[in-house]
Amino acid sequence: MIYNQMQSMENVELHKEVFINRHVENTFDTVLKYSFNNSHVSFYQTESELWVIRMDLNSTGIKTKFGFGVGDKFCSISNCQSINSNTRQFVLSETEGLTSISFELENGIVTNIKYSGYND
């Protein structure tokens, strides 16, 4: 979903890097980094798959695959019973800490979303 949004946006810069796949002989993969309005989204692309590996959203206009983005009320994203209006950052991480998503908040409104995904 984010990939399609990035491709259809105007004023987006694209930087590509090609790497040898260390798991599959004679195969190359690509990292695609899209930049726009002080925001960045990076994808890891193999011959058959595409993963978001990094995301730093600081501006409106892009929605995650779950339908939320910068400018949304955090309560619309999560069960807010444990979040108060003084909360400045909310971080979700898997057990090993290799994948995480963090939300920076101002008065309960999302001002930044950062995602760091593990890929091997």
PDB file of N, CA and C in Angstrom:
ATOM      1  N   MET A   1       0.812  -1.185   0.000  1.00  0.00           N
ATOM      2  CA  MET A   1       0.000   0.000   0.000  1.00  0.00           C
ATOM      3  C   MET A   1       0.867   1.265   0.000  1.00  0.00           C
ATOM      4  N   ILE A   2       1.836   1.333   0.914  1.00  0.00           N
ATOM      5  CA  ILE A   2       2.701   2.511   0.979  1.00  0.00           C
ATOM      6  C   ILE A   2       3.506   2.640  -0.312  1.00  0.00           C
ATOM      7  N   TYR A   3       3.957   1.521  -0.839  1.00  0.00           N
ATOM      8  CA  TYR A   3       4.733   1.538  -2.081  1.00  0.00           C
ATOM      9  C   TYR A   3       3.928   2.182  -3.215  1.00  0.00           C
ATOM     10  N   ASN A   4       2.670   1.797  -3.363  1.00  0.00           N
ATOM     11  CA  ASN A   4       1.814   2.387  -4.403  1.00  0.00           C
ATOM     12  C   ASN A   4       1.608   3.876  -4.165  1.00  0.00           C
ATOM     13  N   GLN A   5       1.452   4.276  -2.897  1.00  0.00           N
ATOM     14  CA  GLN A   5       1.293   5.697  -2.587  1.00  0.00           C
ATOM     15  C   GLN A   5       2.539   6.472  -2.991  1.00  0.00           C
ATOM     16  N   MET A   6       3.711   5.907  -2.679  1.00  0.00           N
ATOM     17  CA  MET A   6       4.970   6.592  -2.978  1.00  0.00           C
ATOM     18  C   MET A   6       5.134   6.773  -4.484  1.00  0.00           C
ATOM     19  N   GLN A   7       4.779   5.768  -5.246  1.00  0.00           N
ATOM     20  CA  GLN A   7       4.936   5.850  -6.700  1.00  0.00           C
ATOM     21  C   GLN A   7       3.993   6.868  -7.331  1.00  0.00           C
ATOM     22  N   SER A   8       2.851   7.111  -6.701  1.00  0.00           N
ATOM     23  CA  SER A   8       1.876   8.031  -7.299  1.00  0.00           C
ATOM     24  C   SER A   8       2.036   9.474  -6.829  1.00  0.00           C
ATOM     25  N   MET A   9       2.902   9.714  -5.841  1.00  0.00           N
ATOM     26  CA  MET A   9       3.084  11.069  -5.316  1.00  0.00           C
ATOM     27  C   MET A   9       3.982  11.908  -6.227  1.00  0.00           C
ATOM     28  N   GLU A  10       3.724  13.207  -6.231  1.00  0.00           N
ATOM     29  CA  GLU A  10       4.589  14.142  -6.944  1.00  0.00           C
ATOM     30  C   GLU A  10       5.702  14.594  -5.997  1.00  0.00           C
ATOM     31  N   ASN A  11       6.780  15.090  -6.557  1.00  0.00           N
ATOM     32  CA  ASN A  11       7.908  15.636  -5.782  1.00  0.00           C
ATOM     33  C   ASN A  11       8.522  14.614  -4.836  1.00  0.00           C
ATOM     34  N   VAL A  12       8.622  13.374  -5.275  1.00  0.00           N
ATOM     35  CA  VAL A  12       9.249  12.318  -4.486  1.00  0.00           C
ATOM     36  C   VAL A  12      10.588  11.985  -5.126  1.00  0.00           C
ATOM     37  N   GLU A  13      11.631  11.935  -4.300  1.00  0.00           N
ATOM     38  CA  GLU A  13      12.945  11.521  -4.784  1.00  0.00           C
ATOM     39  C   GLU A  13      13.106  10.032  -4.552  1.00  0.00           C
ATOM     40  N   LEU A  14      13.722   9.356  -5.507  1.00  0.00           N
ATOM     41  CA  LEU A  14      13.975   7.926  -5.385  1.00  0.00           C
ATOM     42  C   LEU A  14      15.466   7.667  -5.500  1.00  0.00           C
ATOM     43  N   HIS A  15      15.987   6.921  -4.529  1.00  0.00           N
ATOM     44  CA  HIS A  15      17.385   6.500  -4.550  1.00  0.00           C
ATOM     45  C   HIS A  15      17.395   4.979  -4.513  1.00  0.00           C
ATOM     46  N   LYS A  16      18.135   4.342  -5.442  1.00  0.00           N
ATOM     47  CA  LYS A  16      18.190   2.881  -5.523  1.00  0.00           C
ATOM     48  C   LYS A  16      19.603   2.387  -5.244  1.00  0.00           C
ATOM     49  N   GLU A  17      19.691   1.282  -4.504  1.00  0.00           N
ATOM     50  CA  GLU A  17      20.962   0.593  -4.300  1.00  0.00           C
ATOM     51  C   GLU A  17      20.734  -0.881  -4.576  1.00  0.00           C
ATOM     52  N   VAL A  18      21.641  -1.495  -5.330  1.00  0.00           N
ATOM     53  CA  VAL A  18      21.528  -2.908  -5.672  1.00  0.00           C
ATOM     54  C   VAL A  18      22.560  -3.688  -4.874  1.00  0.00           C
ATOM     55  N   PHE A  19      22.122  -4.847  -4.339  1.00  0.00           N
ATOM     56  CA  PHE A  19      22.979  -5.687  -3.514  1.00  0.00           C
ATOM     57  C   PHE A  19      22.919  -7.132  -4.003  1.00  0.00           C
ATOM     58  N   ILE A  20      23.997  -7.858  -3.800  1.00  0.00           N
ATOM     59  CA  ILE A  20      23.992  -9.294  -4.060  1.00  0.00           C
ATOM     60  C   ILE A  20      23.239  -9.963  -2.912  1.00  0.00           C
ATOM     61  N   ASN A  21      22.284 -10.807  -3.232  1.00  0.00           N
ATOM     62  CA  ASN A  21      21.541 -11.555  -2.215  1.00  0.00           C
ATOM     63  C   ASN A  21      22.475 -12.592  -1.622  1.00  0.00           C
ATOM     64  N   ARG A  22      22.710 -12.516  -0.324  1.00  0.00           N
ATOM     65  CA  ARG A  22      23.666 -13.429   0.307  1.00  0.00           C
ATOM     66  C   ARG A  22      23.085 -14.818   0.556  1.00  0.00           C
ATOM     67  N   HIS A  23      21.814 -15.004   0.291  1.00  0.00           N
ATOM     68  CA  HIS A  23      21.170 -16.302   0.511  1.00  0.00           C
ATOM     69  C   HIS A  23      20.909 -17.072  -0.780  1.00  0.00           C
ATOM     70  N   VAL A  24      20.793 -16.354  -1.905  1.00  0.00           N
ATOM     71  CA  VAL A  24      20.469 -16.992  -3.180  1.00  0.00           C
ATOM     72  C   VAL A  24      21.542 -16.618  -4.195  1.00  0.00           C
ATOM     73  N   GLU A  25      22.242 -17.612  -4.696  1.00  0.00           N
ATOM     74  CA  GLU A  25      23.339 -17.390  -5.617  1.00  0.00           C
ATOM     75  C   GLU A  25      22.853 -16.736  -6.916  1.00  0.00           C
ATOM     76  N   ASN A  26      23.662 -15.828  -7.446  1.00  0.00           N
ATOM     77  CA  ASN A  26      23.384 -15.123  -8.704  1.00  0.00           C
ATOM     78  C   ASN A  26      22.076 -14.333  -8.682  1.00  0.00           C
ATOM     79  N   THR A  27      21.713 -13.811  -7.510  1.00  0.00           N
ATOM     80  CA  THR A  27      20.485 -13.030  -7.382  1.00  0.00           C
ATOM     81  C   THR A  27      20.826 -11.677  -6.766  1.00  0.00           C
ATOM     82  N   PHE A  28      20.197 -10.640  -7.300  1.00  0.00           N
ATOM     83  CA  PHE A  28      20.418  -9.290  -6.804  1.00  0.00           C
ATOM     84  C   PHE A  28      19.120  -8.742  -6.223  1.00  0.00           C
ATOM     85  N   ASP A  29      19.243  -7.992  -5.150  1.00  0.00           N
ATOM     86  CA  ASP A  29      18.106  -7.340  -4.508  1.00  0.00           C
ATOM     87  C   ASP A  29      18.342  -5.832  -4.548  1.00  0.00           C
ATOM     88  N   THR A  30      17.287  -5.081  -4.311  1.00  0.00           N
ATOM     89  CA  THR A  30      17.367  -3.630  -4.406  1.00  0.00           C
ATOM     90  C   THR A  30      16.774  -2.989  -3.163  1.00  0.00           C
ATOM     91  N   VAL A  31      17.417  -1.938  -2.663  1.00  0.00           N
ATOM     92  CA  VAL A  31      16.835  -1.095  -1.629  1.00  0.00           C
ATOM     93  C   VAL A  31      16.381   0.182  -2.318  1.00  0.00           C
ATOM     94  N   LEU A  32      15.097   0.484  -2.167  1.00  0.00           N
ATOM     95  CA  LEU A  32      14.496   1.679  -2.753  1.00  0.00           C
ATOM     96  C   LEU A  32      14.194   2.653  -1.629  1.00  0.00           C
ATOM     97  N   LYS A  33      14.778   3.839  -1.668  1.00  0.00           N
ATOM     98  CA  LYS A  33      14.515   4.845  -0.637  1.00  0.00           C
ATOM     99  C   LYS A  33      13.790   6.024  -1.276  1.00  0.00           C
ATOM    100  N   TYR A  34      12.550   6.233  -0.835  1.00  0.00           N
ATOM    101  CA  TYR A  34      11.735   7.352  -1.292  1.00  0.00           C
ATOM    102  C   TYR A  34      11.793   8.465  -0.254  1.00  0.00           C
ATOM    103  N   SER A  35      12.015   9.687  -0.692  1.00  0.00           N
ATOM    104  CA  SER A  35      12.070  10.847   0.205  1.00  0.00           C
ATOM    105  C   SER A  35      11.097  11.906  -0.292  1.00  0.00           C
ATOM    106  N   PHE A  36      10.401  12.536   0.648  1.00  0.00           N
ATOM    107  CA  PHE A  36       9.445  13.584   0.317  1.00  0.00           C
ATOM    108  C   PHE A  36       9.167  14.402   1.563  1.00  0.00           C
ATOM    109  N   ASN A  37       9.080  15.698   1.446  1.00  0.00           N
ATOM    110  CA  ASN A  37       8.705  16.589   2.556  1.00  0.00           C
ATOM    111  C   ASN A  37       9.319  16.195   3.900  1.00  0.00           C
ATOM    112  N   ASN A  38      10.600  15.911   3.936  1.00  0.00           N
ATOM    113  CA  ASN A  38      11.265  15.571   5.198  1.00  0.00           C
ATOM    114  C   ASN A  38      10.879  14.195   5.730  1.00  0.00           C
ATOM    115  N   SER A  39      10.254  13.366   4.931  1.00  0.00           N
ATOM    116  CA  SER A  39       9.898  12.002   5.308  1.00  0.00           C
ATOM    117  C   SER A  39      10.627  11.029   4.389  1.00  0.00           C
ATOM    118  N   HIS A  40      10.830   9.807   4.884  1.00  0.00           N
ATOM    119  CA  HIS A  40      11.560   8.792   4.123  1.00  0.00           C
ATOM    120  C   HIS A  40      10.919   7.423   4.341  1.00  0.00           C
ATOM    121  N   VAL A  41      10.860   6.638   3.271  1.00  0.00           N
ATOM    122  CA  VAL A  41      10.404   5.257   3.362  1.00  0.00           C
ATOM    123  C   VAL A  41      11.357   4.415   2.520  1.00  0.00           C
ATOM    124  N   SER A  42      11.903   3.342   3.133  1.00  0.00           N
ATOM    125  CA  SER A  42      12.814   2.449   2.419  1.00  0.00           C
ATOM    126  C   SER A  42      12.197   1.064   2.300  1.00  0.00           C
ATOM    127  N   PHE A  43      12.366   0.474   1.121  1.00  0.00           N
ATOM    128  CA  PHE A  43      11.850  -0.854   0.815  1.00  0.00           C
ATOM    129  C   PHE A  43      13.008  -1.762   0.435  1.00  0.00           C
ATOM    130  N   TYR A  44      12.902  -3.023   0.799  1.00  0.00           N
ATOM    131  CA  TYR A  44      13.839  -4.048   0.342  1.00  0.00           C
ATOM    132  C   TYR A  44      13.089  -4.897  -0.667  1.00  0.00           C
ATOM    133  N   GLN A  45      13.604  -4.967  -1.903  1.00  0.00           N
ATOM    134  CA  GLN A  45      12.906  -5.653  -2.977  1.00  0.00           C
ATOM    135  C   GLN A  45      13.746  -6.819  -3.487  1.00  0.00           C
ATOM    136  N   THR A  46      13.156  -8.018  -3.450  1.00  0.00           N
ATOM    137  CA  THR A  46      13.764  -9.198  -4.055  1.00  0.00           C
ATOM    138  C   THR A  46      13.051  -9.445  -5.384  1.00  0.00           C
ATOM    139  N   GLU A  47      13.373 -10.540  -6.038  1.00  0.00           N
ATOM    140  CA  GLU A  47      12.696 -10.859  -7.295  1.00  0.00           C
ATOM    141  C   GLU A  47      11.201 -11.077  -7.092  1.00  0.00           C
ATOM    142  N   SER A  48      10.812 -11.540  -5.898  1.00  0.00           N
ATOM    143  CA  SER A  48       9.404 -11.892  -5.690  1.00  0.00           C
ATOM    144  C   SER A  48       8.706 -11.148  -4.555  1.00  0.00           C
ATOM    145  N   GLU A  49       9.447 -10.396  -3.742  1.00  0.00           N
ATOM    146  CA  GLU A  49       8.830  -9.760  -2.576  1.00  0.00           C
ATOM    147  C   GLU A  49       9.300  -8.323  -2.408  1.00  0.00           C
ATOM    148  N   LEU A  50       8.513  -7.577  -1.622  1.00  0.00           N
ATOM    149  CA  LEU A  50       8.821  -6.180  -1.325  1.00  0.00           C
ATOM    150  C   LEU A  50       8.452  -5.912   0.129  1.00  0.00           C
ATOM    151  N   TRP A  51       9.425  -5.475   0.942  1.00  0.00           N
ATOM    152  CA  TRP A  51       9.192  -5.214   2.360  1.00  0.00           C
ATOM    153  C   TRP A  51       9.539  -3.772   2.694  1.00  0.00           C
ATOM    154  N   VAL A  52       8.744  -3.153   3.558  1.00  0.00           N
ATOM    155  CA  VAL A  52       9.144  -1.879   4.150  1.00  0.00           C
ATOM    156  C   VAL A  52      10.165  -2.220   5.216  1.00  0.00           C
ATOM    157  N   ILE A  53      11.355  -1.611   5.154  1.00  0.00           N
ATOM    158  CA  ILE A  53      12.375  -1.888   6.163  1.00  0.00           C
ATOM    159  C   ILE A  53      12.648  -0.686   7.060  1.00  0.00           C
ATOM    160  N   ARG A  54      12.376   0.504   6.582  1.00  0.00           N
ATOM    161  CA  ARG A  54      12.534   1.723   7.383  1.00  0.00           C
ATOM    162  C   ARG A  54      11.462   2.710   6.963  1.00  0.00           C
ATOM    163  N   MET A  55      11.007   3.475   7.940  1.00  0.00           N
ATOM    164  CA  MET A  55      10.028   4.514   7.642  1.00  0.00           C
ATOM    165  C   MET A  55      10.202   5.618   8.675  1.00  0.00           C
ATOM    166  N   ASP A  56      10.227   6.846   8.218  1.00  0.00           N
ATOM    167  CA  ASP A  56      10.284   8.006   9.095  1.00  0.00           C
ATOM    168  C   ASP A  56       9.346   9.048   8.494  1.00  0.00           C
ATOM    169  N   LEU A  57       8.108   9.059   8.976  1.00  0.00           N
ATOM    170  CA  LEU A  57       7.082   9.953   8.443  1.00  0.00           C
ATOM    171  C   LEU A  57       6.941  11.165   9.339  1.00  0.00           C
ATOM    172  N   ASN A  58       7.133  12.337   8.768  1.00  0.00           N
ATOM    173  CA  ASN A  58       7.017  13.603   9.487  1.00  0.00           C
ATOM    174  C   ASN A  58       5.940  14.496   8.907  1.00  0.00           C
ATOM    175  N   SER A  59       5.325  14.074   7.826  1.00  0.00           N
ATOM    176  CA  SER A  59       4.331  14.912   7.167  1.00  0.00           C
ATOM    177  C   SER A  59       3.115  14.075   6.777  1.00  0.00           C
ATOM    178  N   THR A  60       2.011  14.751   6.599  1.00  0.00           N
ATOM    179  CA  THR A  60       0.781  14.071   6.213  1.00  0.00           C
ATOM    180  C   THR A  60       0.875  13.636   4.750  1.00  0.00           C
ATOM    181  N   GLY A  61      -0.055  12.816   4.344  1.00  0.00           N
ATOM    182  CA  GLY A  61      -0.113  12.412   2.947  1.00  0.00           C
ATOM    183  C   GLY A  61       0.149  10.945   2.708  1.00  0.00           C
ATOM    184  N   ILE A  62       0.781  10.276   3.646  1.00  0.00           N
ATOM    185  CA  ILE A  62       1.048   8.845   3.518  1.00  0.00           C
ATOM    186  C   ILE A  62       0.356   8.125   4.664  1.00  0.00           C
ATOM    187  N   LYS A  63      -0.319   7.057   4.340  1.00  0.00           N
ATOM    188  CA  LYS A  63      -0.973   6.220   5.347  1.00  0.00           C
ATOM    189  C   LYS A  63      -0.292   4.864   5.363  1.00  0.00           C
ATOM    190  N   THR A  64      -0.154   4.282   6.540  1.00  0.00           N
ATOM    191  CA  THR A  64       0.402   2.942   6.659  1.00  0.00           C
ATOM    192  C   THR A  64      -0.605   1.932   6.124  1.00  0.00           C
ATOM    193  N   LYS A  65      -0.195   0.682   6.044  1.00  0.00           N
ATOM    194  CA  LYS A  65      -1.119  -0.334   5.542  1.00  0.00           C
ATOM    195  C   LYS A  65      -2.303  -0.531   6.479  1.00  0.00           C
ATOM    196  N   PHE A  66      -2.204  -0.011   7.698  1.00  0.00           N
ATOM    197  CA  PHE A  66      -3.305  -0.093   8.652  1.00  0.00           C
ATOM    198  C   PHE A  66      -4.194   1.141   8.602  1.00  0.00           C
ATOM    199  N   GLY A  67      -3.856   2.103   7.717  1.00  0.00           N
ATOM    200  CA  GLY A  67      -4.719   3.246   7.475  1.00  0.00           C
ATOM    201  C   GLY A  67      -4.484   4.457   8.351  1.00  0.00           C
ATOM    202  N   PHE A  68      -3.393   4.511   9.086  1.00  0.00           N
ATOM    203  CA  PHE A  68      -3.142   5.692   9.909  1.00  0.00           C
ATOM    204  C   PHE A  68      -1.875   6.403   9.458  1.00  0.00           C
ATOM    205  N   GLY A  69      -1.768   7.685   9.847  1.00  0.00           N
ATOM    206  CA  GLY A  69      -0.608   8.477   9.466  1.00  0.00           C
ATOM    207  C   GLY A  69      -0.422   9.675  10.371  1.00  0.00           C
ATOM    208  N   VAL A  70       0.539  10.506  10.023  1.00  0.00           N
ATOM    209  CA  VAL A  70       0.821  11.731  10.764  1.00  0.00           C
ATOM    210  C   VAL A  70      -0.416  12.624  10.697  1.00  0.00           C
ATOM    211  N   GLY A  71      -0.769  13.217  11.830  1.00  0.00           N
ATOM    212  CA  GLY A  71      -1.935  14.083  11.916  1.00  0.00           C
ATOM    213  C   GLY A  71      -3.149  13.382  12.498  1.00  0.00           C
ATOM    214  N   ASP A  72      -3.098  12.048  12.592  1.00  0.00           N
ATOM    215  CA  ASP A  72      -4.215  11.303  13.178  1.00  0.00           C
ATOM    216  C   ASP A  72      -4.165  11.364  14.701  1.00  0.00           C
ATOM    217  N   LYS A  73      -5.335  11.252  15.316  1.00  0.00           N
ATOM    218  CA  LYS A  73      -5.391  11.122  16.772  1.00  0.00           C
ATOM    219  C   LYS A  73      -4.877   9.744  17.142  1.00  0.00           C
ATOM    220  N   PHE A  74      -4.003   9.686  18.125  1.00  0.00           N
ATOM    221  CA  PHE A  74      -3.429   8.399  18.515  1.00  0.00           C
ATOM    222  C   PHE A  74      -4.507   7.436  18.978  1.00  0.00           C
ATOM    223  N   CYS A  75      -5.586   7.943  19.569  1.00  0.00           N
ATOM    224  CA  CYS A  75      -6.680   7.081  20.030  1.00  0.00           C
ATOM    225  C   CYS A  75      -7.339   6.337  18.880  1.00  0.00           C
ATOM    226  N   SER A  76      -7.232   6.861  17.670  1.00  0.00           N
ATOM    227  CA  SER A  76      -7.813   6.158  16.532  1.00  0.00           C
ATOM    228  C   SER A  76      -6.928   5.001  16.082  1.00  0.00           C
ATOM    229  N   ILE A  77      -5.684   4.971  16.571  1.00  0.00           N
ATOM    230  CA  ILE A  77      -4.727   3.929  16.209  1.00  0.00           C
ATOM    231  C   ILE A  77      -4.709   2.818  17.251  1.00  0.00           C
ATOM    232  N   SER A  78      -4.786   3.193  18.506  1.00  0.00           N
ATOM    233  CA  SER A  78      -4.568   2.254  19.591  1.00  0.00           C
ATOM    234  C   SER A  78      -5.637   2.397  20.658  1.00  0.00           C
ATOM    235  N   ASN A  79      -5.741   1.391  21.492  1.00  0.00           N
ATOM    236  CA  ASN A  79      -6.597   1.480  22.670  1.00  0.00           C
ATOM    237  C   ASN A  79      -5.920   2.455  23.628  1.00  0.00           C
ATOM    238  N   CYS A  80      -6.505   3.615  23.825  1.00  0.00           N
ATOM    239  CA  CYS A  80      -5.846   4.712  24.542  1.00  0.00           C
ATOM    240  C   CYS A  80      -6.063   4.708  26.050  1.00  0.00           C
ATOM    241  N   GLN A  81      -6.602   3.680  26.598  1.00  0.00           N
ATOM    242  CA  GLN A  81      -6.876   3.696  28.028  1.00  0.00           C
ATOM    243  C   GLN A  81      -5.621   3.935  28.857  1.00  0.00           C
ATOM    244  N   SER A  82      -4.469   3.457  28.366  1.00  0.00           N
ATOM    245  CA  SER A  82      -3.235   3.642  29.128  1.00  0.00           C
ATOM    246  C   SER A  82      -2.424   4.849  28.657  1.00  0.00           C
ATOM    247  N   ILE A  83      -2.927   5.594  27.701  1.00  0.00           N
ATOM    248  CA  ILE A  83      -2.216   6.755  27.168  1.00  0.00           C
ATOM    249  C   ILE A  83      -2.878   8.025  27.684  1.00  0.00           C
ATOM    250  N   ASN A  84      -2.079   8.913  28.256  1.00  0.00           N
ATOM    251  CA  ASN A  84      -2.646  10.189  28.685  1.00  0.00           C
ATOM    252  C   ASN A  84      -2.140  11.307  27.780  1.00  0.00           C
ATOM    253  N   SER A  85      -2.670  12.490  27.935  1.00  0.00           N
ATOM    254  CA  SER A  85      -2.341  13.595  27.033  1.00  0.00           C
ATOM    255  C   SER A  85      -0.906  14.076  27.182  1.00  0.00           C
ATOM    256  N   ASN A  86      -0.208  13.661  28.242  1.00  0.00           N
ATOM    257  CA  ASN A  86       1.184  14.054  28.429  1.00  0.00           C
ATOM    258  C   ASN A  86       2.167  13.106  27.755  1.00  0.00           C
ATOM    259  N   THR A  87       1.682  12.001  27.218  1.00  0.00           N
ATOM    260  CA  THR A  87       2.559  11.029  26.567  1.00  0.00           C
ATOM    261  C   THR A  87       3.150  11.657  25.314  1.00  0.00           C
ATOM    262  N   ARG A  88       4.474  11.596  25.192  1.00  0.00           N
ATOM    263  CA  ARG A  88       5.165  12.191  24.047  1.00  0.00           C
ATOM    264  C   ARG A  88       5.604  11.148  23.027  1.00  0.00           C
ATOM    265  N   GLN A  89       5.804   9.898  23.483  1.00  0.00           N
ATOM    266  CA  GLN A  89       6.240   8.858  22.559  1.00  0.00           C
ATOM    267  C   GLN A  89       5.673   7.519  23.016  1.00  0.00           C
ATOM    268  N   PHE A  90       5.260   6.716  22.046  1.00  0.00           N
ATOM    269  CA  PHE A  90       4.718   5.392  22.320  1.00  0.00           C
ATOM    270  C   PHE A  90       5.435   4.428  21.384  1.00  0.00           C
ATOM    271  N   VAL A  91       6.088   3.387  21.925  1.00  0.00           N
ATOM    272  CA  VAL A  91       6.888   2.468  21.122  1.00  0.00           C
ATOM    273  C   VAL A  91       6.357   1.055  21.266  1.00  0.00           C
ATOM    274  N   LEU A  92       6.198   0.380  20.139  1.00  0.00           N
ATOM    275  CA  LEU A  92       5.838  -1.033  20.103  1.00  0.00           C
ATOM    276  C   LEU A  92       7.000  -1.781  19.471  1.00  0.00           C
ATOM    277  N   SER A  93       7.390  -2.895  20.086  1.00  0.00           N
ATOM    278  CA  SER A  93       8.512  -3.662  19.577  1.00  0.00           C
ATOM    279  C   SER A  93       8.239  -5.138  19.774  1.00  0.00           C
ATOM    280  N   GLU A  94       8.768  -5.956  18.872  1.00  0.00           N
ATOM    281  CA  GLU A  94       8.636  -7.384  19.083  1.00  0.00           C
ATOM    282  C   GLU A  94       9.666  -7.827  20.118  1.00  0.00           C
ATOM    283  N   THR A  95       9.584  -9.047  20.560  1.00  0.00           N
ATOM    284  CA  THR A  95      10.355  -9.531  21.709  1.00  0.00           C
ATOM    285  C   THR A  95      11.851  -9.294  21.585  1.00  0.00           C
ATOM    286  N   GLU A  96      12.442  -9.574  20.443  1.00  0.00           N
ATOM    287  CA  GLU A  96      13.887  -9.418  20.284  1.00  0.00           C
ATOM    288  C   GLU A  96      14.303  -7.978  19.998  1.00  0.00           C
ATOM    289  N   GLY A  97      13.357  -7.105  19.741  1.00  0.00           N
ATOM    290  CA  GLY A  97      13.671  -5.705  19.493  1.00  0.00           C
ATOM    291  C   GLY A  97      14.215  -5.416  18.107  1.00  0.00           C
ATOM    292  N   LEU A  98      14.107  -6.373  17.185  1.00  0.00           N
ATOM    293  CA  LEU A  98      14.632  -6.169  15.837  1.00  0.00           C
ATOM    294  C   LEU A  98      13.668  -5.391  14.952  1.00  0.00           C
ATOM    295  N   THR A  99      12.406  -5.411  15.309  1.00  0.00           N
ATOM    296  CA  THR A  99      11.391  -4.661  14.572  1.00  0.00           C
ATOM    297  C   THR A  99      10.629  -3.796  15.566  1.00  0.00           C
ATOM    298  N   SER A 100      10.470  -2.516  15.233  1.00  0.00           N
ATOM    299  CA  SER A 100       9.742  -1.632  16.147  1.00  0.00           C
ATOM    300  C   SER A 100       9.050  -0.528  15.363  1.00  0.00           C
ATOM    301  N   ILE A 101       8.020   0.008  15.978  1.00  0.00           N
ATOM    302  CA  ILE A 101       7.345   1.182  15.442  1.00  0.00           C
ATOM    303  C   ILE A 101       7.141   2.147  16.595  1.00  0.00           C
ATOM    304  N   SER A 102       7.453   3.414  16.370  1.00  0.00           N
ATOM    305  CA  SER A 102       7.282   4.410  17.428  1.00  0.00           C
ATOM    306  C   SER A 102       6.440   5.563  16.897  1.00  0.00           C
ATOM    307  N   PHE A 103       5.664   6.114  17.792  1.00  0.00           N
ATOM    308  CA  PHE A 103       4.801   7.239  17.475  1.00  0.00           C
ATOM    309  C   PHE A 103       5.200   8.394  18.376  1.00  0.00           C
ATOM    310  N   GLU A 104       5.514   9.537  17.798  1.00  0.00           N
ATOM    311  CA  GLU A 104       5.727  10.737  18.590  1.00  0.00           C
ATOM    312  C   GLU A 104       4.401  11.484  18.595  1.00  0.00           C
ATOM    313  N   LEU A 105       4.029  11.973  19.775  1.00  0.00           N
ATOM    314  CA  LEU A 105       2.714  12.583  19.948  1.00  0.00           C
ATOM    315  C   LEU A 105       2.838  13.993  20.494  1.00  0.00           C
ATOM    316  N   GLU A 106       1.902  14.813  20.109  1.00  0.00           N
ATOM    317  CA  GLU A 106       1.748  16.139  20.694  1.00  0.00           C
ATOM    318  C   GLU A 106       0.262  16.342  20.944  1.00  0.00           C
ATOM    319  N   ASN A 107      -0.103  16.415  22.221  1.00  0.00           N
ATOM    320  CA  ASN A 107      -1.511  16.544  22.621  1.00  0.00           C
ATOM    321  C   ASN A 107      -2.382  15.426  22.035  1.00  0.00           C
ATOM    322  N   GLY A 108      -1.823  14.222  21.987  1.00  0.00           N
ATOM    323  CA  GLY A 108      -2.570  13.066  21.500  1.00  0.00           C
ATOM    324  C   GLY A 108      -2.625  12.922  19.993  1.00  0.00           C
ATOM    325  N   ILE A 109      -1.954  13.842  19.260  1.00  0.00           N
ATOM    326  CA  ILE A 109      -1.920  13.793  17.798  1.00  0.00           C
ATOM    327  C   ILE A 109      -0.557  13.250  17.358  1.00  0.00           C
ATOM    328  N   VAL A 110      -0.546  12.334  16.389  1.00  0.00           N
ATOM    329  CA  VAL A 110       0.692  11.749  15.882  1.00  0.00           C
ATOM    330  C   VAL A 110       1.437  12.788  15.046  1.00  0.00           C
ATOM    331  N   THR A 111       2.692  13.073  15.442  1.00  0.00           N
ATOM    332  CA  THR A 111       3.517  14.027  14.699  1.00  0.00           C
ATOM    333  C   THR A 111       4.647  13.341  13.942  1.00  0.00           C
ATOM    334  N   ASN A 112       4.949  12.091  14.292  1.00  0.00           N
ATOM    335  CA  ASN A 112       6.006  11.342  13.621  1.00  0.00           C
ATOM    336  C   ASN A 112       5.746   9.850  13.829  1.00  0.00           C
ATOM    337  N   ILE A 113       5.989   9.075  12.778  1.00  0.00           N
ATOM    338  CA  ILE A 113       5.929   7.619  12.873  1.00  0.00           C
ATOM    339  C   ILE A 113       7.253   7.090  12.354  1.00  0.00           C
ATOM    340  N   LYS A 114       7.929   6.281  13.170  1.00  0.00           N
ATOM    341  CA  LYS A 114       9.175   5.656  12.751  1.00  0.00           C
ATOM    342  C   LYS A 114       9.014   4.142  12.833  1.00  0.00           C
ATOM    343  N   TYR A 115       9.423   3.461  11.775  1.00  0.00           N
ATOM    344  CA  TYR A 115       9.363   2.020  11.736  1.00  0.00           C
ATOM    345  C   TYR A 115      10.738   1.513  11.351  1.00  0.00           C
ATOM    346  N   SER A 116      11.186   0.503  12.048  1.00  0.00           N
ATOM    347  CA  SER A 116      12.437  -0.151  11.713  1.00  0.00           C
ATOM    348  C   SER A 116      12.169  -1.644  11.665  1.00  0.00           C
ATOM    349  N   GLY A 117      12.296  -2.223  10.490  1.00  0.00           N
ATOM    350  CA  GLY A 117      11.995  -3.627  10.315  1.00  0.00           C
ATOM    351  C   GLY A 117      13.239  -4.437  10.086  1.00  0.00           C
ATOM    352  N   TYR A 118      13.222  -5.646  10.556  1.00  0.00           N
ATOM    353  CA  TYR A 118      14.341  -6.552  10.398  1.00  0.00           C
ATOM    354  C   TYR A 118      14.236  -7.259   9.058  1.00  0.00           C
ATOM    355  N   ASN A 119      15.313  -7.300   8.336  1.00  0.00           N
ATOM    356  CA  ASN A 119      15.351  -8.123   7.139  1.00  0.00           C
ATOM    357  C   ASN A 119      16.714  -8.787   7.069  1.00  0.00           C
ATOM    358  N   ASP A 120      16.723 -10.012   6.589  1.00  0.00           N
ATOM    359  CA  ASP A 120      17.968 -10.764   6.512  1.00  0.00           C
ATOM    360  C   ASP A 120      18.064 -11.414   5.157  1.00  0.00           C
TER     361      ASP A 120
END
